[in-house]
Protein backbone atom coordinates (compact mmCIF):
# COMPACT_ATOMS: atom_id res chain seq x y z
CA MET A 1 78.96 91.52 130.32
CA SER A 2 78.34 87.91 131.21
CA ASN A 3 80.37 85.00 129.87
CA GLY A 4 77.44 83.85 127.72
CA THR A 5 77.13 87.25 126.07
CA SER A 6 80.86 87.39 125.46
CA ARG A 7 80.79 83.95 123.86
CA GLN A 8 77.84 84.96 121.67
CA ARG A 9 79.66 88.07 120.50
CA ARG A 10 82.80 86.09 119.67
CA ARG A 11 80.73 83.65 117.65
CA ALA A 12 78.96 86.53 115.91
CA TYR A 13 82.33 88.13 115.15
CA TRP A 14 83.81 84.97 113.61
CA ALA A 15 80.60 84.29 111.67
CA ALA A 16 80.58 87.84 110.27
CA LEU A 17 84.29 87.64 109.44
CA TRP A 18 83.76 84.35 107.62
CA ASP A 19 80.78 85.79 105.71
CA GLY A 20 82.84 88.80 104.64
CA LEU A 21 85.72 86.59 103.58
CA LYS A 22 83.38 84.45 101.47
CA ILE A 23 82.20 87.58 99.67
CA CYS A 24 85.69 89.04 99.17
CA TRP A 25 87.42 85.71 98.50
CA PRO A 26 88.02 86.37 94.76
CA ILE A 27 89.78 89.66 95.51
CA PHE A 28 91.64 88.22 98.51
CA SER A 29 92.89 85.17 96.62
CA ALA A 30 93.81 87.23 93.54
CA LEU A 31 95.94 89.56 95.68
CA LEU A 32 97.64 86.60 97.36
CA ALA A 33 98.32 84.91 94.02
CA LEU A 34 99.57 88.13 92.41
CA GLN A 35 101.88 88.83 95.33
CA ALA A 36 103.29 85.29 95.28
CA ALA A 37 103.73 85.35 91.48
CA LEU A 38 105.51 88.71 91.54
CA GLY A 39 107.72 87.45 94.34
CA ALA A 40 108.60 84.34 92.33
CA VAL A 41 109.52 86.55 89.36
CA VAL A 42 111.73 88.75 91.54
CA GLY A 43 113.35 85.65 93.06
CA LEU A 44 114.14 84.19 89.66
CA LEU A 45 115.43 87.48 88.22
CA GLU A 46 117.62 88.10 91.27
CA GLY A 47 118.89 84.51 91.37
CA TRP A 48 117.41 83.79 94.81
CA GLY A 49 115.05 81.02 93.76
CA MET A 50 111.27 80.97 93.83
CA GLY A 51 110.94 80.14 97.54
CA GLN A 52 113.01 83.07 98.67
CA GLY A 53 111.25 85.28 96.15
CA VAL A 54 107.84 84.42 97.59
CA TYR A 55 109.25 84.93 101.11
CA PHE A 56 110.55 88.34 99.98
CA ALA A 57 107.15 89.23 98.52
CA PHE A 58 105.22 88.54 101.70
CA ILE A 59 107.79 90.21 103.96
CA THR A 60 107.72 93.24 101.66
CA GLY A 61 103.93 93.17 101.28
CA LEU A 62 103.44 93.10 105.04
CA THR A 63 105.82 96.11 105.21
CA VAL A 64 108.15 94.25 107.57
CA GLY A 65 111.13 94.37 105.23
CA TYR A 66 113.88 92.60 107.18
CA GLY A 67 116.52 93.61 104.63
CA ASP A 68 117.95 90.12 104.25
CA LEU A 69 116.92 90.09 100.57
CA VAL A 70 117.29 93.30 98.60
CA PRO A 71 116.52 93.60 94.88
CA THR A 72 119.33 95.19 92.88
CA GLY A 73 117.94 95.45 89.34
CA VAL A 74 115.73 98.28 88.12
CA LEU A 75 112.98 95.89 86.99
CA THR A 76 112.99 93.95 90.25
CA ARG A 77 112.82 97.17 92.24
CA VAL A 78 109.77 98.29 90.24
CA ILE A 79 108.16 94.90 90.80
CA SER A 80 108.93 95.27 94.51
CA VAL A 81 106.94 98.50 94.59
CA LEU A 82 104.01 96.64 93.00
CA ILE A 83 104.40 93.93 95.65
CA GLY A 84 104.21 96.64 98.31
CA PHE A 85 100.98 98.02 96.85
CA CYS A 86 99.47 94.52 96.72
CA GLY A 87 100.45 93.97 100.33
CA ILE A 88 98.90 97.23 101.44
CA ALA A 89 95.67 96.37 99.61
CA LEU A 90 95.65 92.89 101.15
CA THR A 91 96.25 94.26 104.66
CA GLY A 92 93.55 96.89 104.14
CA LEU A 93 91.08 94.25 102.98
CA VAL A 94 91.71 92.08 106.04
CA ALA A 95 91.43 95.10 108.35
CA ALA A 96 88.19 96.22 106.71
CA LEU A 97 86.68 92.75 107.06
CA ALA A 98 87.71 92.60 110.72
CA VAL A 99 86.23 96.02 111.49
CA LYS A 100 82.98 95.14 109.71
CA ALA A 101 82.76 91.87 111.64
CA PHE A 102 83.35 93.76 114.88
CA GLN A 103 80.56 96.21 114.03
CA VAL A 104 78.16 93.37 113.28
CA SER A 105 79.05 91.51 116.48
CA ALA A 106 78.71 94.65 118.61
CA LYS A 107 75.10 95.10 117.47
CA GLU A 108 74.11 91.67 118.74
């Protein structure tokens, strides 16, 4: 594969990824907003503050889970499970868009 072909495929990949993101933007942004809002609620209920709550939400949603913040209440634990599901859906959406963009760029 020549350098020109490689460059064309990279451009096709990024163009296809951007097109897919434009189509899925309402779902993508809703998942991000829901995850951040649930994290803020957990942070406030646990007494961590909103910033740490949002941090907790994205660490939990990405399934990293450092363990530095752990919810103790029953309600905040249930909300944490919802945050996990949102994170899995968000990760799946990004992965699906990336695979689709790769398929489109491989055809060119």
